Amino acid sequence: MPSHTPEMIFWDLGNVLVTLDFDSLYGELCPLFGLSQQEIKTLLFPTGIFDRVNRGMTTPEEFHQEVLDALDKSAEDIPYNRFVDAWGSFFIPRPKMGTVLEQLAPHIPMWLLSNTDPLHHQRCQQMLPYLDHLTGQLTSYGLKALKPEALLYQRALEQTGYRPEQTVFFDDKQENIEGAKAMGMQAYLCTTADECIGLLKDIGLLPVT
């Protein structure tokens, strides 16, 4: 554990502040697309569609059109509003993490730092009122880079005004943790609320009870 207490927290979103529910997502996408989960993966994953929208290279409307093109569907088959609703059916709130953010907010600045697209980010903002406890929200589509690329961490530090050693980062993927550490940030892997709470206590940001 660090010899000094961090002055700012970066939080990942998926599987840290909110649970990603793939069963719900594909439960909505499969009937909408008229395809199986494996067919959707086979048709969409190799195209780079998700990488482009997560990097802010395409708008939500362009993302929708790229999906239609890859599936050989029309906007009549899959209207934009129905696509947005189905695409957003991916998240389960973590109330315990909401309580953690509420406890921490008066004492330390906190920023979101997430690989995500505008539609998913908007849905999370709508359904997770505890995100309002964050000082600010930084996303891959806004920073035009993806974790674990050094450029994303550099831009996040520049926008928040902190030095790497002043920050701590919580994420659910080891490669993102390693990317942050390579920048000189403190970084810890956590996938459950209890893991996050334990780490926060260990580094002196929550009281040990």
C-alpha atoms as a PDB file:
ATOM      1  CA  MET A   1       0.000   0.000   0.000  1.00  0.00           C
ATOM      2  CA  PRO A   2       1.184   3.582  -0.656  1.00  0.00           C
ATOM      3  CA  SER A   3       3.174   5.546   1.892  1.00  0.00           C
ATOM      4  CA  HIS A   4       0.892   8.567   1.364  1.00  0.00           C
ATOM      5  CA  THR A   5      -2.859   8.995   0.988  1.00  0.00           C
ATOM      6  CA  PRO A   6      -4.026   9.841  -2.553  1.00  0.00           C
ATOM      7  CA  GLU A   7      -5.462  13.284  -3.210  1.00  0.00           C
ATOM      8  CA  MET A   8      -7.838  12.274  -5.999  1.00  0.00           C
ATOM      9  CA  ILE A   9      -9.651   9.114  -7.159  1.00  0.00           C
ATOM     10  CA  PHE A  10     -10.234   7.904 -10.715  1.00  0.00           C
ATOM     11  CA  TRP A  11     -13.089   5.387 -10.968  1.00  0.00           C
ATOM     12  CA  ASP A  12     -13.756   2.985 -13.789  1.00  0.00           C
ATOM     13  CA  LEU A  13     -17.441   2.520 -14.576  1.00  0.00           C
ATOM     14  CA  GLY A  14     -18.276  -1.023 -15.738  1.00  0.00           C
ATOM     15  CA  ASN A  15     -18.022  -3.705 -13.044  1.00  0.00           C
ATOM     16  CA  VAL A  16     -16.773  -1.107 -10.563  1.00  0.00           C
ATOM     17  CA  LEU A  17     -19.499   1.539 -10.149  1.00  0.00           C
ATOM     18  CA  VAL A  18     -22.117  -0.476 -12.053  1.00  0.00           C
ATOM     19  CA  THR A  19     -22.542  -4.145 -12.979  1.00  0.00           C
ATOM     20  CA  LEU A  20     -22.403  -5.065 -16.664  1.00  0.00           C
ATOM     21  CA  ASP A  21     -25.267  -7.448 -17.449  1.00  0.00           C
ATOM     22  CA  PHE A  22     -24.505  -9.257 -20.695  1.00  0.00           C
ATOM     23  CA  ASP A  23     -27.538 -11.544 -20.350  1.00  0.00           C
ATOM     24  CA  SER A  24     -29.851  -8.537 -20.304  1.00  0.00           C
ATOM     25  CA  LEU A  25     -27.996  -6.871 -23.185  1.00  0.00           C
ATOM     26  CA  TYR A  26     -28.202  -9.866 -25.501  1.00  0.00           C
ATOM     27  CA  GLY A  27     -31.711 -10.599 -24.247  1.00  0.00           C
ATOM     28  CA  GLU A  28     -32.712  -7.304 -25.861  1.00  0.00           C
ATOM     29  CA  LEU A  29     -30.389  -7.312 -28.890  1.00  0.00           C
ATOM     30  CA  CYS A  30     -31.051 -10.847 -30.120  1.00  0.00           C
ATOM     31  CA  PRO A  31     -34.793 -10.474 -30.748  1.00  0.00           C
ATOM     32  CA  LEU A  32     -34.325  -6.948 -32.093  1.00  0.00           C
ATOM     33  CA  PHE A  33     -31.669  -8.089 -34.565  1.00  0.00           C
ATOM     34  CA  GLY A  34     -33.274 -11.471 -35.246  1.00  0.00           C
ATOM     35  CA  LEU A  35     -29.915 -13.128 -34.554  1.00  0.00           C
ATOM     36  CA  SER A  36     -28.293 -15.339 -31.944  1.00  0.00           C
ATOM     37  CA  GLN A  37     -25.694 -14.006 -29.539  1.00  0.00           C
ATOM     38  CA  GLN A  38     -22.935 -15.814 -31.444  1.00  0.00           C
ATOM     39  CA  GLU A  39     -24.175 -14.462 -34.777  1.00  0.00           C
ATOM     40  CA  ILE A  40     -24.111 -10.911 -33.405  1.00  0.00           C
ATOM     41  CA  LYS A  41     -20.555 -11.373 -32.125  1.00  0.00           C
ATOM     42  CA  THR A  42     -19.408 -12.906 -35.416  1.00  0.00           C
ATOM     43  CA  LEU A  43     -20.889 -10.105 -37.509  1.00  0.00           C
ATOM     44  CA  LEU A  44     -20.005  -7.116 -35.326  1.00  0.00           C
ATOM     45  CA  PHE A  45     -16.836  -7.803 -33.330  1.00  0.00           C
ATOM     46  CA  PRO A  46     -14.375  -8.026 -36.275  1.00  0.00           C
ATOM     47  CA  THR A  47     -15.583  -4.743 -37.799  1.00  0.00           C
ATOM     48  CA  GLY A  48     -14.000  -2.274 -35.369  1.00  0.00           C
ATOM     49  CA  ILE A  49     -17.412  -0.648 -34.821  1.00  0.00           C
ATOM     50  CA  PHE A  50     -17.120  -0.683 -31.029  1.00  0.00           C
ATOM     51  CA  ASP A  51     -13.557   0.610 -31.033  1.00  0.00           C
ATOM     52  CA  ARG A  52     -14.542   3.564 -33.222  1.00  0.00           C
ATOM     53  CA  VAL A  53     -17.522   4.650 -31.147  1.00  0.00           C
ATOM     54  CA  ASN A  54     -15.586   4.215 -27.892  1.00  0.00           C
ATOM     55  CA  ARG A  55     -12.829   6.443 -29.293  1.00  0.00           C
ATOM     56  CA  GLY A  56     -15.279   9.151 -30.279  1.00  0.00           C
ATOM     57  CA  MET A  57     -14.610   8.573 -33.970  1.00  0.00           C
ATOM     58  CA  THR A  58     -18.296   8.055 -34.753  1.00  0.00           C
ATOM     59  CA  THR A  59     -21.467   9.655 -33.421  1.00  0.00           C
ATOM     60  CA  PRO A  60     -24.273   7.541 -31.918  1.00  0.00           C
ATOM     61  CA  GLU A  61     -26.214   7.934 -35.165  1.00  0.00           C
ATOM     62  CA  GLU A  62     -23.206   6.805 -37.210  1.00  0.00           C
ATOM     63  CA  PHE A  63     -22.687   3.900 -34.809  1.00  0.00           C
ATOM     64  CA  HIS A  64     -26.291   2.829 -35.382  1.00  0.00           C
ATOM     65  CA  GLN A  65     -25.790   2.999 -39.138  1.00  0.00           C
ATOM     66  CA  GLU A  66     -22.558   0.986 -38.965  1.00  0.00           C
ATOM     67  CA  VAL A  67     -24.381  -1.697 -37.000  1.00  0.00           C
ATOM     68  CA  LEU A  68     -27.156  -1.746 -39.594  1.00  0.00           C
ATOM     69  CA  ASP A  69     -24.633  -2.049 -42.416  1.00  0.00           C
ATOM     70  CA  ALA A  70     -22.764  -4.892 -40.708  1.00  0.00           C
ATOM     71  CA  LEU A  71     -26.003  -6.793 -40.101  1.00  0.00           C
ATOM     72  CA  ASP A  72     -27.407  -6.003 -43.567  1.00  0.00           C
ATOM     73  CA  LYS A  73     -30.428  -4.376 -41.950  1.00  0.00           C
ATOM     74  CA  SER A  74     -32.291  -1.120 -42.543  1.00  0.00           C
ATOM     75  CA  ALA A  75     -33.451   1.611 -40.196  1.00  0.00           C
ATOM     76  CA  GLU A  76     -36.953   0.275 -40.773  1.00  0.00           C
ATOM     77  CA  ASP A  77     -35.808  -3.101 -39.438  1.00  0.00           C
ATOM     78  CA  ILE A  78     -34.047  -1.583 -36.424  1.00  0.00           C
ATOM     79  CA  PRO A  79     -35.187   1.999 -35.716  1.00  0.00           C
ATOM     80  CA  TYR A  80     -32.712   4.232 -33.921  1.00  0.00           C
ATOM     81  CA  ASN A  81     -34.799   4.686 -30.764  1.00  0.00           C
ATOM     82  CA  ARG A  82     -35.347   0.949 -30.370  1.00  0.00           C
ATOM     83  CA  PHE A  83     -31.621   0.353 -30.892  1.00  0.00           C
ATOM     84  CA  VAL A  84     -30.727   2.934 -28.240  1.00  0.00           C
ATOM     85  CA  ASP A  85     -33.098   1.329 -25.735  1.00  0.00           C
ATOM     86  CA  ALA A  86     -31.749  -2.162 -26.371  1.00  0.00           C
ATOM     87  CA  TRP A  87     -28.121  -1.038 -26.358  1.00  0.00           C
ATOM     88  CA  GLY A  88     -28.642   0.603 -22.989  1.00  0.00           C
ATOM     89  CA  SER A  89     -30.046  -2.524 -21.309  1.00  0.00           C
ATOM     90  CA  PHE A  90     -26.583  -3.412 -20.041  1.00  0.00           C
ATOM     91  CA  PHE A  91     -26.370  -2.055 -16.514  1.00  0.00           C
ATOM     92  CA  ILE A  92     -27.359  -2.983 -12.982  1.00  0.00           C
ATOM     93  CA  PRO A  93     -26.829  -0.281 -10.320  1.00  0.00           C
ATOM     94  CA  ARG A  94     -24.537  -0.921  -7.367  1.00  0.00           C
ATOM     95  CA  PRO A  95     -26.207   0.949  -4.485  1.00  0.00           C
ATOM     96  CA  LYS A  96     -23.354   0.094  -2.129  1.00  0.00           C
ATOM     97  CA  MET A  97     -20.948   1.952  -4.423  1.00  0.00           C
ATOM     98  CA  GLY A  98     -23.373   4.870  -4.438  1.00  0.00           C
ATOM     99  CA  THR A  99     -23.069   4.995  -0.661  1.00  0.00           C
ATOM    100  CA  VAL A 100     -19.271   4.895  -0.959  1.00  0.00           C
ATOM    101  CA  LEU A 101     -19.259   7.841  -3.371  1.00  0.00           C
ATOM    102  CA  GLU A 102     -21.567   9.778  -1.072  1.00  0.00           C
ATOM    103  CA  GLN A 103     -19.240   9.144   1.878  1.00  0.00           C
ATOM    104  CA  LEU A 104     -16.131  10.159  -0.027  1.00  0.00           C
ATOM    105  CA  ALA A 105     -17.443  13.183  -1.935  1.00  0.00           C
ATOM    106  CA  PRO A 106     -17.024  15.771   0.865  1.00  0.00           C
ATOM    107  CA  HIS A 107     -13.425  14.717   1.436  1.00  0.00           C
ATOM    108  CA  ILE A 108     -11.723  13.976  -1.898  1.00  0.00           C
ATOM    109  CA  PRO A 109     -12.235  14.834  -5.583  1.00  0.00           C
ATOM    110  CA  MET A 110     -13.349  11.868  -7.707  1.00  0.00           C
ATOM    111  CA  TRP A 111     -13.441  11.503 -11.473  1.00  0.00           C
ATOM    112  CA  LEU A 112     -14.905   8.858 -13.744  1.00  0.00           C
ATOM    113  CA  LEU A 113     -12.376   7.365 -16.184  1.00  0.00           C
ATOM    114  CA  SER A 114     -14.155   4.898 -18.428  1.00  0.00           C
ATOM    115  CA  ASN A 115     -13.867   3.177 -21.780  1.00  0.00           C
ATOM    116  CA  THR A 116     -17.401   3.735 -23.006  1.00  0.00           C
ATOM    117  CA  ASP A 117     -19.531   5.157 -25.778  1.00  0.00           C
ATOM    118  CA  PRO A 118     -21.933   8.123 -25.626  1.00  0.00           C
ATOM    119  CA  LEU A 119     -25.073   5.975 -25.515  1.00  0.00           C
ATOM    120  CA  HIS A 120     -23.880   3.801 -22.641  1.00  0.00           C
ATOM    121  CA  HIS A 121     -22.548   6.823 -20.768  1.00  0.00           C
ATOM    122  CA  GLN A 122     -25.841   8.675 -21.169  1.00  0.00           C
ATOM    123  CA  ARG A 123     -27.820   5.664 -19.943  1.00  0.00           C
ATOM    124  CA  CYS A 124     -25.608   5.384 -16.854  1.00  0.00           C
ATOM    125  CA  GLN A 125     -26.030   9.089 -16.109  1.00  0.00           C
ATOM    126  CA  GLN A 126     -29.802   8.634 -16.326  1.00  0.00           C
ATOM    127  CA  MET A 127     -30.032   5.547 -14.123  1.00  0.00           C
ATOM    128  CA  LEU A 128     -27.210   6.124 -11.609  1.00  0.00           C
ATOM    129  CA  PRO A 129     -27.904   9.295  -9.609  1.00  0.00           C
ATOM    130  CA  TYR A 130     -24.878   8.558  -7.437  1.00  0.00           C
ATOM    131  CA  LEU A 131     -22.627   9.564 -10.324  1.00  0.00           C
ATOM    132  CA  ASP A 132     -23.564  13.115  -9.346  1.00  0.00           C
ATOM    133  CA  HIS A 133     -21.168  12.738  -6.407  1.00  0.00           C
ATOM    134  CA  LEU A 134     -18.261  12.708  -8.870  1.00  0.00           C
ATOM    135  CA  THR A 135     -16.297  15.892  -9.475  1.00  0.00           C
ATOM    136  CA  GLY A 136     -16.287  15.169 -13.199  1.00  0.00           C
ATOM    137  CA  GLN A 137     -16.596  12.417 -15.789  1.00  0.00           C
ATOM    138  CA  LEU A 138     -13.939  11.530 -18.351  1.00  0.00           C
ATOM    139  CA  THR A 139     -14.606   8.978 -21.072  1.00  0.00           C
ATOM    140  CA  SER A 140     -12.688   7.325 -23.843  1.00  0.00           C
ATOM    141  CA  TYR A 141     -14.980   8.881 -26.440  1.00  0.00           C
ATOM    142  CA  GLY A 142     -14.287  12.320 -24.988  1.00  0.00           C
ATOM    143  CA  LEU A 143     -10.546  11.803 -24.575  1.00  0.00           C
ATOM    144  CA  LYS A 144     -10.243  10.136 -28.012  1.00  0.00           C
ATOM    145  CA  ALA A 145      -8.201   7.265 -26.579  1.00  0.00           C
ATOM    146  CA  LEU A 146      -8.768   3.955 -24.808  1.00  0.00           C
ATOM    147  CA  LYS A 147      -7.392   2.432 -21.631  1.00  0.00           C
ATOM    148  CA  PRO A 148      -4.731   1.101 -21.256  1.00  0.00           C
ATOM    149  CA  GLU A 149      -3.139   3.508 -23.752  1.00  0.00           C
ATOM    150  CA  ALA A 150      -0.775   6.018 -22.159  1.00  0.00           C
ATOM    151  CA  LEU A 151      -2.440   8.835 -24.101  1.00  0.00           C
ATOM    152  CA  LEU A 152      -5.719   8.362 -22.238  1.00  0.00           C
ATOM    153  CA  TYR A 153      -4.062   8.599 -18.823  1.00  0.00           C
ATOM    154  CA  GLN A 154      -1.994  11.600 -19.944  1.00  0.00           C
ATOM    155  CA  ARG A 155      -5.078  13.462 -21.122  1.00  0.00           C
ATOM    156  CA  ALA A 156      -7.014  12.535 -17.978  1.00  0.00           C
ATOM    157  CA  LEU A 157      -4.236  13.885 -15.758  1.00  0.00           C
ATOM    158  CA  GLU A 158      -3.970  17.060 -17.836  1.00  0.00           C
ATOM    159  CA  GLN A 159      -7.706  17.716 -17.659  1.00  0.00           C
ATOM    160  CA  THR A 160      -7.931  17.115 -13.913  1.00  0.00           C
ATOM    161  CA  GLY A 161      -4.703  18.973 -13.066  1.00  0.00           C
ATOM    162  CA  TYR A 162      -3.147  16.266 -10.910  1.00  0.00           C
ATOM    163  CA  ARG A 163       0.245  14.604 -11.001  1.00  0.00           C
ATOM    164  CA  PRO A 164       0.181  10.811 -11.388  1.00  0.00           C
ATOM    165  CA  GLU A 165       1.497  10.165  -7.879  1.00  0.00           C
ATOM    166  CA  GLN A 166      -1.354  12.209  -6.395  1.00  0.00           C
ATOM    167  CA  THR A 167      -4.015   9.913  -7.817  1.00  0.00           C
ATOM    168  CA  VAL A 168      -5.417   6.435  -7.296  1.00  0.00           C
ATOM    169  CA  PHE A 169      -7.305   4.474  -9.936  1.00  0.00           C
ATOM    170  CA  PHE A 170      -9.767   1.600  -9.487  1.00  0.00           C
ATOM    171  CA  ASP A 171     -10.565  -0.643 -12.461  1.00  0.00           C
ATOM    172  CA  ASP A 172     -11.782  -4.187 -13.108  1.00  0.00           C
ATOM    173  CA  LYS A 173      -9.172  -5.063 -15.772  1.00  0.00           C
ATOM    174  CA  GLN A 174      -5.565  -5.867 -15.011  1.00  0.00           C
ATOM    175  CA  GLU A 175      -4.256  -4.382 -18.257  1.00  0.00           C
ATOM    176  CA  ASN A 176      -5.796  -1.022 -17.327  1.00  0.00           C
ATOM    177  CA  ILE A 177      -4.239  -1.210 -13.876  1.00  0.00           C
ATOM    178  CA  GLU A 178      -0.834  -1.865 -15.414  1.00  0.00           C
ATOM    179  CA  GLY A 179      -1.301   1.021 -17.847  1.00  0.00           C
ATOM    180  CA  ALA A 180      -2.052   3.404 -14.990  1.00  0.00           C
ATOM    181  CA  LYS A 181       0.881   2.167 -12.931  1.00  0.00           C
ATOM    182  CA  ALA A 182       3.183   2.693 -15.912  1.00  0.00           C
ATOM    183  CA  MET A 183       2.152   6.360 -15.772  1.00  0.00           C
ATOM    184  CA  GLY A 184       3.127   6.553 -12.092  1.00  0.00           C
ATOM    185  CA  MET A 185      -0.412   6.353 -10.732  1.00  0.00           C
ATOM    186  CA  GLN A 186      -1.479   4.195  -7.807  1.00  0.00           C
ATOM    187  CA  ALA A 187      -3.891   1.634  -9.207  1.00  0.00           C
ATOM    188  CA  TYR A 188      -5.856  -1.296  -7.826  1.00  0.00           C
ATOM    189  CA  LEU A 189      -7.934  -4.069  -9.320  1.00  0.00           C
ATOM    190  CA  CYS A 190     -11.449  -4.400  -7.919  1.00  0.00           C
ATOM    191  CA  THR A 191     -14.618  -5.971  -9.262  1.00  0.00           C
ATOM    192  CA  THR A 192     -16.980  -5.861  -6.264  1.00  0.00           C
ATOM    193  CA  ALA A 193     -18.116  -3.159  -3.879  1.00  0.00           C
ATOM    194  CA  ASP A 194     -16.614  -5.023  -0.939  1.00  0.00           C
ATOM    195  CA  GLU A 195     -13.227  -5.203  -2.673  1.00  0.00           C
ATOM    196  CA  CYS A 196     -13.326  -1.474  -3.364  1.00  0.00           C
ATOM    197  CA  ILE A 197     -14.318  -0.680   0.215  1.00  0.00           C
ATOM    198  CA  GLY A 198     -11.504  -2.845   1.572  1.00  0.00           C
ATOM    199  CA  LEU A 199      -8.949  -1.120  -0.648  1.00  0.00           C
ATOM    200  CA  LEU A 200     -10.229   2.322   0.302  1.00  0.00           C
ATOM    201  CA  LYS A 201      -9.783   1.427   3.969  1.00  0.00           C
ATOM    202  CA  ASP A 202      -6.292   0.052   3.326  1.00  0.00           C
ATOM    203  CA  ILE A 203      -5.111   3.276   1.702  1.00  0.00           C
ATOM    204  CA  GLY A 204      -6.718   5.502   4.318  1.00  0.00           C
ATOM    205  CA  LEU A 205      -9.640   6.930   2.373  1.00  0.00           C
ATOM    206  CA  LEU A 206     -12.359   5.225   4.414  1.00  0.00           C
ATOM    207  CA  PRO A 207     -12.338   4.674   8.167  1.00  0.00           C
ATOM    208  CA  VAL A 208     -11.578   1.167   9.397  1.00  0.00           C
ATOM    209  CA  THR A 209     -14.483  -0.063  11.506  1.00  0.00           C
END
